[in-house]
């Protein structure tokens, strides 16, 4: 899926800029959960046996990565929530994503 390969085309300085923004927000007292790769605060082991079906829009953590399943597929990540999968089409690398509990 082309829209999920956009990140590979970003120049390295973009990631430095995003990291600087996160650092500044944390200094201002904002709670920031980093959904990027390598965040040790969120690292969880993947499932030993993947599920045969994970619904589109499932929010998950696998290892040190987090993500949203863009379509129904098998998957071995730990599910932590759901969102409307059509929202993925409007997210760009570096965007701030805020998850809120919905009763």
PDB file of N, CA and C in Angstrom:
ATOM      1  N   UNK A   1       0.842  -1.180   0.000  1.00  0.00           N
ATOM      2  CA  UNK A   1       0.000   0.000   0.000  1.00  0.00           C
ATOM      3  C   UNK A   1       0.884   1.239   0.000  1.00  0.00           C
ATOM      4  N   UNK A   2       0.770   2.001  -1.027  1.00  0.00           N
ATOM      5  CA  UNK A   2       1.652   3.146  -1.256  1.00  0.00           C
ATOM      6  C   UNK A   2       1.624   4.166  -0.126  1.00  0.00           C
ATOM      7  N   UNK A   3       0.443   4.461   0.422  1.00  0.00           N
ATOM      8  CA  UNK A   3       0.397   5.512   1.437  1.00  0.00           C
ATOM      9  C   UNK A   3       1.202   5.167   2.682  1.00  0.00           C
ATOM     10  N   UNK A   4       1.476   3.870   2.943  1.00  0.00           N
ATOM     11  CA  UNK A   4       2.256   3.484   4.105  1.00  0.00           C
ATOM     12  C   UNK A   4       3.738   3.386   3.798  1.00  0.00           C
ATOM     13  N   UNK A   5       4.123   3.628   2.574  1.00  0.00           N
ATOM     14  CA  UNK A   5       5.544   3.638   2.206  1.00  0.00           C
ATOM     15  C   UNK A   5       6.082   5.074   2.144  1.00  0.00           C
ATOM     16  N   UNK A   6       5.220   6.055   2.340  1.00  0.00           N
ATOM     17  CA  UNK A   6       5.653   7.455   2.271  1.00  0.00           C
ATOM     18  C   UNK A   6       6.780   7.751   3.246  1.00  0.00           C
ATOM     19  N   UNK A   7       6.739   7.136   4.409  1.00  0.00           N
ATOM     20  CA  UNK A   7       7.733   7.412   5.439  1.00  0.00           C
ATOM     21  C   UNK A   7       9.143   7.093   4.968  1.00  0.00           C
ATOM     22  N   UNK A   8       9.290   6.068   4.142  1.00  0.00           N
ATOM     23  CA  UNK A   8      10.611   5.700   3.626  1.00  0.00           C
ATOM     24  C   UNK A   8      11.233   6.786   2.764  1.00  0.00           C
ATOM     25  N   UNK A   9      10.409   7.663   2.228  1.00  0.00           N
ATOM     26  CA  UNK A   9      10.913   8.708   1.339  1.00  0.00           C
ATOM     27  C   UNK A   9      11.246  10.008   2.069  1.00  0.00           C
ATOM     28  N   UNK A  10      11.019  10.041   3.369  1.00  0.00           N
ATOM     29  CA  UNK A  10      11.295  11.267   4.118  1.00  0.00           C
ATOM     30  C   UNK A  10      12.787  11.414   4.376  1.00  0.00           C
ATOM     31  N   UNK A  11      13.299  12.634   4.263  1.00  0.00           N
ATOM     32  CA  UNK A  11      14.712  12.851   4.590  1.00  0.00           C
ATOM     33  C   UNK A  11      14.934  12.690   6.095  1.00  0.00           C
ATOM     34  N   UNK A  12      16.135  12.276   6.493  1.00  0.00           N
ATOM     35  CA  UNK A  12      16.411  12.001   7.913  1.00  0.00           C
ATOM     36  C   UNK A  12      16.143  13.184   8.838  1.00  0.00           C
ATOM     37  N   UNK A  13      16.292  14.426   8.358  1.00  0.00           N
ATOM     38  CA  UNK A  13      16.113  15.562   9.256  1.00  0.00           C
ATOM     39  C   UNK A  13      14.673  15.672   9.757  1.00  0.00           C
ATOM     40  N   UNK A  14      13.720  15.098   9.054  1.00  0.00           N
ATOM     41  CA  UNK A  14      12.331  15.148   9.498  1.00  0.00           C
ATOM     42  C   UNK A  14      12.201  14.460  10.850  1.00  0.00           C
ATOM     43  N   UNK A  15      12.869  13.323  11.025  1.00  0.00           N
ATOM     44  CA  UNK A  15      12.778  12.592  12.276  1.00  0.00           C
ATOM     45  C   UNK A  15      13.429  13.374  13.409  1.00  0.00           C
ATOM     46  N   UNK A  16      14.526  14.062  13.118  1.00  0.00           N
ATOM     47  CA  UNK A  16      15.171  14.904  14.130  1.00  0.00           C
ATOM     48  C   UNK A  16      14.238  16.041  14.537  1.00  0.00           C
ATOM     49  N   UNK A  17      13.534  16.615  13.581  1.00  0.00           N
ATOM     50  CA  UNK A  17      12.592  17.701  13.875  1.00  0.00           C
ATOM     51  C   UNK A  17      11.452  17.197  14.752  1.00  0.00           C
ATOM     52  N   UNK A  18      10.906  16.042  14.416  1.00  0.00           N
ATOM     53  CA  UNK A  18       9.821  15.462  15.210  1.00  0.00           C
ATOM     54  C   UNK A  18      10.309  15.158  16.623  1.00  0.00           C
ATOM     55  N   UNK A  19      11.508  14.599  16.765  1.00  0.00           N
ATOM     56  CA  UNK A  19      12.052  14.315  18.090  1.00  0.00           C
ATOM     57  C   UNK A  19      12.238  15.593  18.897  1.00  0.00           C
ATOM     58  N   UNK A  20      12.677  16.665  18.254  1.00  0.00           N
ATOM     59  CA  UNK A  20      12.843  17.948  18.942  1.00  0.00           C
ATOM     60  C   UNK A  20      11.488  18.483  19.416  1.00  0.00           C
ATOM     61  N   UNK A  21      10.460  18.347  18.591  1.00  0.00           N
ATOM     62  CA  UNK A  21       9.113  18.789  18.983  1.00  0.00           C
ATOM     63  C   UNK A  21       8.608  17.990  20.182  1.00  0.00           C
ATOM     64  N   UNK A  22       8.836  16.680  20.169  1.00  0.00           N
ATOM     65  CA  UNK A  22       8.404  15.846  21.294  1.00  0.00           C
ATOM     66  C   UNK A  22       9.131  16.261  22.574  1.00  0.00           C
ATOM     67  N   UNK A  23      10.427  16.521  22.470  1.00  0.00           N
ATOM     68  CA  UNK A  23      11.203  16.935  23.634  1.00  0.00           C
ATOM     69  C   UNK A  23      10.669  18.244  24.192  1.00  0.00           C
ATOM     70  N   UNK A  24      10.397  19.206  23.320  1.00  0.00           N
ATOM     71  CA  UNK A  24       9.859  20.497  23.757  1.00  0.00           C
ATOM     72  C   UNK A  24       8.501  20.339  24.442  1.00  0.00           C
ATOM     73  N   UNK A  25       7.635  19.512  23.878  1.00  0.00           N
ATOM     74  CA  UNK A  25       6.316  19.302  24.476  1.00  0.00           C
ATOM     75  C   UNK A  25       6.425  18.634  25.840  1.00  0.00           C
ATOM     76  N   UNK A  26       7.346  17.683  25.967  1.00  0.00           N
ATOM     77  CA  UNK A  26       7.547  17.037  27.264  1.00  0.00           C
ATOM     78  C   UNK A  26       8.043  18.047  28.307  1.00  0.00           C
ATOM     79  N   UNK A  27       8.936  18.936  27.895  1.00  0.00           N
ATOM     80  CA  UNK A  27       9.434  19.973  28.812  1.00  0.00           C
ATOM     81  C   UNK A  27       8.314  20.908  29.257  1.00  0.00           C
ATOM     82  N   UNK A  28       7.304  21.075  28.402  1.00  0.00           N
ATOM     83  CA  UNK A  28       6.155  21.927  28.726  1.00  0.00           C
ATOM     84  C   UNK A  28       5.117  21.191  29.574  1.00  0.00           C
ATOM     85  N   UNK A  29       5.421  19.930  29.913  1.00  0.00           N
ATOM     86  CA  UNK A  29       4.524  19.167  30.760  1.00  0.00           C
ATOM     87  C   UNK A  29       3.500  18.327  30.017  1.00  0.00           C
ATOM     88  N   UNK A  30       3.595  18.281  28.700  1.00  0.00           N
ATOM     89  CA  UNK A  30       2.657  17.467  27.926  1.00  0.00           C
ATOM     90  C   UNK A  30       3.039  15.995  28.043  1.00  0.00           C
ATOM     91  N   UNK A  31       2.022  15.142  28.154  1.00  0.00           N
ATOM     92  CA  UNK A  31       2.263  13.701  28.130  1.00  0.00           C
ATOM     93  C   UNK A  31       2.329  13.264  26.682  1.00  0.00           C
ATOM     94  N   UNK A  32       3.473  12.756  26.272  1.00  0.00           N
ATOM     95  CA  UNK A  32       3.677  12.327  24.887  1.00  0.00           C
ATOM     96  C   UNK A  32       3.921  10.827  24.879  1.00  0.00           C
ATOM     97  N   UNK A  33       3.127  10.119  24.107  1.00  0.00           N
ATOM     98  CA  UNK A  33       3.368   8.698  23.870  1.00  0.00           C
ATOM     99  C   UNK A  33       3.890   8.599  22.452  1.00  0.00           C
ATOM    100  N   UNK A  34       5.099   8.107  22.334  1.00  0.00           N
ATOM    101  CA  UNK A  34       5.751   8.008  21.040  1.00  0.00           C
ATOM    102  C   UNK A  34       5.286   6.741  20.331  1.00  0.00           C
ATOM    103  N   UNK A  35       4.621   6.888  19.177  1.00  0.00           N
ATOM    104  CA  UNK A  35       4.142   5.740  18.429  1.00  0.00           C
ATOM    105  C   UNK A  35       5.142   5.293  17.379  1.00  0.00           C
ATOM    106  N   UNK A  36       6.344   5.790  17.452  1.00  0.00           N
ATOM    107  CA  UNK A  36       7.366   5.396  16.494  1.00  0.00           C
ATOM    108  C   UNK A  36       8.085   4.135  16.929  1.00  0.00           C
ATOM    109  N   UNK A  37       9.080   3.766  16.139  1.00  0.00           N
ATOM    110  CA  UNK A  37       9.855   2.566  16.449  1.00  0.00           C
ATOM    111  C   UNK A  37      10.826   2.845  17.585  1.00  0.00           C
ATOM    112  N   UNK A  38      11.105   1.820  18.356  1.00  0.00           N
ATOM    113  CA  UNK A  38      12.159   1.885  19.348  1.00  0.00           C
ATOM    114  C   UNK A  38      11.794   2.525  20.665  1.00  0.00           C
ATOM    115  N   UNK A  39      10.520   2.685  20.967  1.00  0.00           N
ATOM    116  CA  UNK A  39      10.133   3.281  22.235  1.00  0.00           C
ATOM    117  C   UNK A  39      10.106   2.196  23.312  1.00  0.00           C
ATOM    118  N   UNK A  40      11.074   2.194  24.221  1.00  0.00           N
ATOM    119  CA  UNK A  40      11.123   1.133  25.229  1.00  0.00           C
ATOM    120  C   UNK A  40       9.960   1.175  26.206  1.00  0.00           C
ATOM    121  N   UNK A  41       9.280   2.326  26.328  1.00  0.00           N
ATOM    122  CA  UNK A  41       8.145   2.429  27.246  1.00  0.00           C
ATOM    123  C   UNK A  41       6.963   1.582  26.791  1.00  0.00           C
ATOM    124  N   UNK A  42       6.870   1.310  25.505  1.00  0.00           N
ATOM    125  CA  UNK A  42       5.720   0.588  24.972  1.00  0.00           C
ATOM    126  C   UNK A  42       6.065  -0.805  24.453  1.00  0.00           C
ATOM    127  N   UNK A  43       7.297  -1.208  24.548  1.00  0.00           N
ATOM    128  CA  UNK A  43       7.695  -2.494  23.960  1.00  0.00           C
ATOM    129  C   UNK A  43       6.977  -3.649  24.641  1.00  0.00           C
ATOM    130  N   UNK A  44       6.366  -4.498  23.844  1.00  0.00           N
ATOM    131  CA  UNK A  44       5.686  -5.698  24.339  1.00  0.00           C
ATOM    132  C   UNK A  44       5.999  -6.839  23.380  1.00  0.00           C
ATOM    133  N   UNK A  45       6.093  -8.046  23.894  1.00  0.00           N
ATOM    134  CA  UNK A  45       6.367  -9.167  22.988  1.00  0.00           C
ATOM    135  C   UNK A  45       5.184  -9.435  22.062  1.00  0.00           C
ATOM    136  N   UNK A  46       5.505  -9.846  20.852  1.00  0.00           N
ATOM    137  CA  UNK A  46       4.453 -10.249  19.918  1.00  0.00           C
ATOM    138  C   UNK A  46       3.839 -11.555  20.394  1.00  0.00           C
ATOM    139  N   UNK A  47       2.651 -11.845  19.922  1.00  0.00           N
ATOM    140  CA  UNK A  47       1.987 -13.094  20.280  1.00  0.00           C
ATOM    141  C   UNK A  47       2.778 -14.285  19.752  1.00  0.00           C
ATOM    142  N   UNK A  48       2.804 -15.374  20.505  1.00  0.00           N
ATOM    143  CA  UNK A  48       3.499 -16.574  20.042  1.00  0.00           C
ATOM    144  C   UNK A  48       2.824 -17.148  18.805  1.00  0.00           C
ATOM    145  N   UNK A  49       1.496 -17.055  18.758  1.00  0.00           N
ATOM    146  CA  UNK A  49       0.742 -17.545  17.601  1.00  0.00           C
ATOM    147  C   UNK A  49      -0.150 -16.412  17.097  1.00  0.00           C
ATOM    148  N   UNK A  50       0.093 -15.903  15.898  1.00  0.00           N
ATOM    149  CA  UNK A  50      -0.704 -14.787  15.381  1.00  0.00           C
ATOM    150  C   UNK A  50      -2.192 -15.132  15.241  1.00  0.00           C
ATOM    151  N   UNK A  51      -3.030 -14.121  15.371  1.00  0.00           N
ATOM    152  CA  UNK A  51      -4.459 -14.276  15.113  1.00  0.00           C
ATOM    153  C   UNK A  51      -4.662 -14.476  13.615  1.00  0.00           C
ATOM    154  N   UNK A  52      -5.682 -15.219  13.260  1.00  0.00           N
ATOM    155  CA  UNK A  52      -5.995 -15.407  11.840  1.00  0.00           C
ATOM    156  C   UNK A  52      -6.658 -14.180  11.251  1.00  0.00           C
ATOM    157  N   UNK A  53      -7.347 -13.394  12.104  1.00  0.00           N
ATOM    158  CA  UNK A  53      -8.039 -12.209  11.601  1.00  0.00           C
ATOM    159  C   UNK A  53      -7.956 -11.076  12.613  1.00  0.00           C
ATOM    160  N   UNK A  54      -7.401  -9.964  12.178  1.00  0.00           N
ATOM    161  CA  UNK A  54      -7.412  -8.715  12.945  1.00  0.00           C
ATOM    162  C   UNK A  54      -8.176  -7.719  12.082  1.00  0.00           C
ATOM    163  N   UNK A  55      -9.180  -7.083  12.659  1.00  0.00           N
ATOM    164  CA  UNK A  55     -10.033  -6.168  11.897  1.00  0.00           C
ATOM    165  C   UNK A  55      -9.315  -4.860  11.560  1.00  0.00           C
ATOM    166  N   UNK A  56      -9.642  -4.314  10.404  1.00  0.00           N
ATOM    167  CA  UNK A  56      -9.112  -3.010   9.985  1.00  0.00           C
ATOM    168  C   UNK A  56      -9.425  -1.979  11.063  1.00  0.00           C
ATOM    169  N   UNK A  57      -8.450  -1.128  11.347  1.00  0.00           N
ATOM    170  CA  UNK A  57      -8.616  -0.092  12.357  1.00  0.00           C
ATOM    171  C   UNK A  57      -8.160  -0.511  13.739  1.00  0.00           C
ATOM    172  N   UNK A  58      -7.715  -1.760  13.890  1.00  0.00           N
ATOM    173  CA  UNK A  58      -7.203  -2.203  15.187  1.00  0.00           C
ATOM    174  C   UNK A  58      -5.885  -1.503  15.485  1.00  0.00           C
ATOM    175  N   UNK A  59      -5.757  -0.971  16.687  1.00  0.00           N
ATOM    176  CA  UNK A  59      -4.530  -0.313  17.143  1.00  0.00           C
ATOM    177  C   UNK A  59      -3.752  -1.350  17.944  1.00  0.00           C
ATOM    178  N   UNK A  60      -2.457  -1.501  17.642  1.00  0.00           N
ATOM    179  CA  UNK A  60      -1.704  -2.597  18.236  1.00  0.00           C
ATOM    180  C   UNK A  60      -0.254  -2.231  18.527  1.00  0.00           C
ATOM    181  N   UNK A  61       0.347  -3.015  19.431  1.00  0.00           N
ATOM    182  CA  UNK A  61       1.764  -2.904  19.771  1.00  0.00           C
ATOM    183  C   UNK A  61       2.395  -4.270  19.525  1.00  0.00           C
ATOM    184  N   UNK A  62       3.538  -4.271  18.853  1.00  0.00           N
ATOM    185  CA  UNK A  62       4.285  -5.505  18.628  1.00  0.00           C
ATOM    186  C   UNK A  62       5.765  -5.226  18.737  1.00  0.00           C
ATOM    187  N   UNK A  63       6.409  -5.782  19.748  1.00  0.00           N
ATOM    188  CA  UNK A  63       7.816  -5.462  19.960  1.00  0.00           C
ATOM    189  C   UNK A  63       7.937  -4.010  20.375  1.00  0.00           C
ATOM    190  N   UNK A  64       8.788  -3.253  19.697  1.00  0.00           N
ATOM    191  CA  UNK A  64       8.973  -1.831  19.996  1.00  0.00           C
ATOM    192  C   UNK A  64       8.267  -0.956  18.968  1.00  0.00           C
ATOM    193  N   UNK A  65       7.312  -1.518  18.242  1.00  0.00           N
ATOM    194  CA  UNK A  65       6.596  -0.759  17.226  1.00  0.00           C
ATOM    195  C   UNK A  65       5.111  -0.706  17.557  1.00  0.00           C
ATOM    196  N   UNK A  66       4.467   0.346  17.126  1.00  0.00           N
ATOM    197  CA  UNK A  66       3.023   0.465  17.260  1.00  0.00           C
ATOM    198  C   UNK A  66       2.444   0.757  15.891  1.00  0.00           C
ATOM    199  N   UNK A  67       1.203   0.431  15.723  1.00  0.00           N
ATOM    200  CA  UNK A  67       0.600   0.696  14.429  1.00  0.00           C
ATOM    201  C   UNK A  67      -0.898   0.481  14.443  1.00  0.00           C
ATOM    202  N   UNK A  68      -1.492   0.787  13.302  1.00  0.00           N
ATOM    203  CA  UNK A  68      -2.917   0.593  13.083  1.00  0.00           C
ATOM    204  C   UNK A  68      -3.055  -0.293  11.859  1.00  0.00           C
ATOM    205  N   UNK A  69      -3.789  -1.380  11.990  1.00  0.00           N
ATOM    206  CA  UNK A  69      -4.011  -2.273  10.851  1.00  0.00           C
ATOM    207  C   UNK A  69      -4.872  -1.544   9.822  1.00  0.00           C
ATOM    208  N   UNK A  70      -4.387  -1.362   8.586  1.00  0.00           N
ATOM    209  CA  UNK A  70      -5.133  -0.610   7.581  1.00  0.00           C
ATOM    210  C   UNK A  70      -6.259  -1.420   6.935  1.00  0.00           C
ATOM    211  N   UNK A  71      -6.189  -2.745   7.037  1.00  0.00           N
ATOM    212  CA  UNK A  71      -7.218  -3.600   6.450  1.00  0.00           C
ATOM    213  C   UNK A  71      -7.289  -4.894   7.253  1.00  0.00           C
ATOM    214  N   UNK A  72      -8.383  -5.651   7.091  1.00  0.00           N
ATOM    215  CA  UNK A  72      -8.487  -6.951   7.747  1.00  0.00           C
ATOM    216  C   UNK A  72      -7.309  -7.817   7.311  1.00  0.00           C
ATOM    217  N   UNK A  73      -6.638  -8.446   8.273  1.00  0.00           N
ATOM    218  CA  UNK A  73      -5.488  -9.289   7.941  1.00  0.00           C
ATOM    219  C   UNK A  73      -5.120 -10.130   9.154  1.00  0.00           C
ATOM    220  N   UNK A  74      -4.275 -11.146   8.964  1.00  0.00           N
ATOM    221  CA  UNK A  74      -3.726 -11.856  10.121  1.00  0.00           C
ATOM    222  C   UNK A  74      -2.766 -10.925  10.864  1.00  0.00           C
ATOM    223  N   UNK A  75      -2.529 -11.197  12.126  1.00  0.00           N
ATOM    224  CA  UNK A  75      -1.588 -10.353  12.846  1.00  0.00           C
ATOM    225  C   UNK A  75      -1.232 -10.910  14.206  1.00  0.00           C
ATOM    226  N   UNK A  76      -0.010 -10.629  14.638  1.00  0.00           N
ATOM    227  CA  UNK A  76       0.485 -11.139  15.902  1.00  0.00           C
ATOM    228  C   UNK A  76       0.809 -10.067  16.920  1.00  0.00           C
ATOM    229  N   UNK A  77       0.289  -8.866  16.709  1.00  0.00           N
ATOM    230  CA  UNK A  77       0.573  -7.799  17.662  1.00  0.00           C
ATOM    231  C   UNK A  77      -0.494  -7.773  18.748  1.00  0.00           C
ATOM    232  N   UNK A  78      -0.191  -7.122  19.864  1.00  0.00           N
ATOM    233  CA  UNK A  78      -1.116  -6.980  20.987  1.00  0.00           C
ATOM    234  C   UNK A  78      -2.088  -5.845  20.705  1.00  0.00           C
ATOM    235  N   UNK A  79      -3.370  -6.147  20.680  1.00  0.00           N
ATOM    236  CA  UNK A  79      -4.385  -5.146  20.364  1.00  0.00           C
ATOM    237  C   UNK A  79      -4.678  -4.299  21.595  1.00  0.00           C
ATOM    238  N   UNK A  80      -4.682  -2.973  21.396  1.00  0.00           N
ATOM    239  CA  UNK A  80      -4.920  -2.061  22.516  1.00  0.00           C
ATOM    240  C   UNK A  80      -6.102  -1.139  22.269  1.00  0.00           C
ATOM    241  N   UNK A  81      -6.708  -1.200  21.084  1.00  0.00           N
ATOM    242  CA  UNK A  81      -7.852  -0.344  20.803  1.00  0.00           C
ATOM    243  C   UNK A  81      -8.254  -0.440  19.352  1.00  0.00           C
ATOM    244  N   UNK A  82      -9.210   0.390  18.982  1.00  0.00           N
ATOM    245  CA  UNK A  82      -9.664   0.451  17.594  1.00  0.00           C
ATOM    246  C   UNK A  82      -9.887   1.898  17.184  1.00  0.00           C
ATOM    247  N   UNK A  83      -9.865   2.114  15.885  1.00  0.00           N
ATOM    248  CA  UNK A  83     -10.166   3.426  15.333  1.00  0.00           C
ATOM    249  C   UNK A  83     -10.802   3.216  13.965  1.00  0.00           C
ATOM    250  N   UNK A  84     -11.315   4.253  13.391  1.00  0.00           N
ATOM    251  CA  UNK A  84     -11.907   4.189  12.057  1.00  0.00           C
ATOM    252  C   UNK A  84     -10.768   4.084  11.048  1.00  0.00           C
ATOM    253  N   UNK A  85     -10.670   2.967  10.314  1.00  0.00           N
ATOM    254  CA  UNK A  85      -9.535   2.805   9.393  1.00  0.00           C
ATOM    255  C   UNK A  85      -9.494   3.846   8.274  1.00  0.00           C
ATOM    256  N   UNK A  86     -10.612   4.471   7.960  1.00  0.00           N
ATOM    257  CA  UNK A  86     -10.590   5.493   6.905  1.00  0.00           C
ATOM    258  C   UNK A  86      -9.801   6.732   7.335  1.00  0.00           C
ATOM    259  N   UNK A  87      -9.607   6.916   8.636  1.00  0.00           N
ATOM    260  CA  UNK A  87      -8.820   8.054   9.127  1.00  0.00           C
ATOM    261  C   UNK A  87      -7.356   7.949   8.728  1.00  0.00           C
ATOM    262  N   UNK A  88      -6.890   6.738   8.432  1.00  0.00           N
ATOM    263  CA  UNK A  88      -5.482   6.547   8.060  1.00  0.00           C
ATOM    264  C   UNK A  88      -5.119   7.285   6.782  1.00  0.00           C
ATOM    265  N   UNK A  89      -6.091   7.527   5.931  1.00  0.00           N
ATOM    266  CA  UNK A  89      -5.804   8.190   4.660  1.00  0.00           C
ATOM    267  C   UNK A  89      -5.429   9.664   4.836  1.00  0.00           C
ATOM    268  N   UNK A  90      -5.765  10.240   5.992  1.00  0.00           N
ATOM    269  CA  UNK A  90      -5.461  11.654   6.210  1.00  0.00           C
ATOM    270  C   UNK A  90      -4.246  11.873   7.106  1.00  0.00           C
ATOM    271  N   UNK A  91      -3.640  10.814   7.628  1.00  0.00           N
ATOM    272  CA  UNK A  91      -2.474  10.951   8.504  1.00  0.00           C
ATOM    273  C   UNK A  91      -1.204  11.002   7.666  1.00  0.00           C
ATOM    274  N   UNK A  92      -0.375  11.984   7.962  1.00  0.00           N
ATOM    275  CA  UNK A  92       0.922  12.141   7.294  1.00  0.00           C
ATOM    276  C   UNK A  92       2.032  11.886   8.304  1.00  0.00           C
ATOM    277  N   UNK A  93       3.205  11.457   7.869  1.00  0.00           N
ATOM    278  CA  UNK A  93       4.328  11.298   8.807  1.00  0.00           C
ATOM    279  C   UNK A  93       4.586  12.588   9.570  1.00  0.00           C
ATOM    280  N   UNK A  94       4.759  12.456  10.866  1.00  0.00           N
ATOM    281  CA  UNK A  94       5.003  13.617  11.721  1.00  0.00           C
ATOM    282  C   UNK A  94       3.747  14.197  12.324  1.00  0.00           C
ATOM    283  N   UNK A  95       2.557  13.765  11.869  1.00  0.00           N
ATOM    284  CA  UNK A  95       1.310  14.248  12.459  1.00  0.00           C
ATOM    285  C   UNK A  95       1.211  13.778  13.906  1.00  0.00           C
ATOM    286  N   UNK A  96       0.522  14.547  14.722  1.00  0.00           N
ATOM    287  CA  UNK A  96       0.238  14.160  16.092  1.00  0.00           C
ATOM    288  C   UNK A  96      -1.053  13.362  16.099  1.00  0.00           C
ATOM    289  N   UNK A  97      -1.010  12.192  16.718  1.00  0.00           N
ATOM    290  CA  UNK A  97      -2.189  11.343  16.830  1.00  0.00           C
ATOM    291  C   UNK A  97      -2.552  11.252  18.300  1.00  0.00           C
ATOM    292  N   UNK A  98      -3.789  11.583  18.631  1.00  0.00           N
ATOM    293  CA  UNK A  98      -4.260  11.539  20.003  1.00  0.00           C
ATOM    294  C   UNK A  98      -5.337  10.470  20.093  1.00  0.00           C
ATOM    295  N   UNK A  99      -5.128   9.487  20.962  1.00  0.00           N
ATOM    296  CA  UNK A  99      -6.129   8.454  21.187  1.00  0.00           C
ATOM    297  C   UNK A  99      -6.941   8.822  22.409  1.00  0.00           C
ATOM    298  N   UNK A 100      -8.262   8.745  22.288  1.00  0.00           N
ATOM    299  CA  UNK A 100      -9.148   9.042  23.397  1.00  0.00           C
ATOM    300  C   UNK A 100     -10.062   7.853  23.636  1.00  0.00           C
ATOM    301  N   UNK A 101     -10.330   7.583  24.913  1.00  0.00           N
ATOM    302  CA  UNK A 101     -11.245   6.512  25.249  1.00  0.00           C
ATOM    303  C   UNK A 101     -12.656   6.929  24.878  1.00  0.00           C
ATOM    304  N   UNK A 102     -13.363   6.022  24.240  1.00  0.00           N
ATOM    305  CA  UNK A 102     -14.753   6.268  23.879  1.00  0.00           C
ATOM    306  C   UNK A 102     -15.594   5.241  24.613  1.00  0.00           C
ATOM    307  N   UNK A 103     -16.541   5.732  25.388  1.00  0.00           N
ATOM    308  CA  UNK A 103     -17.377   4.806  26.186  1.00  0.00           C
ATOM    309  C   UNK A 103     -18.438   4.143  25.332  1.00  0.00           C
TER     310      UNK A 103
END
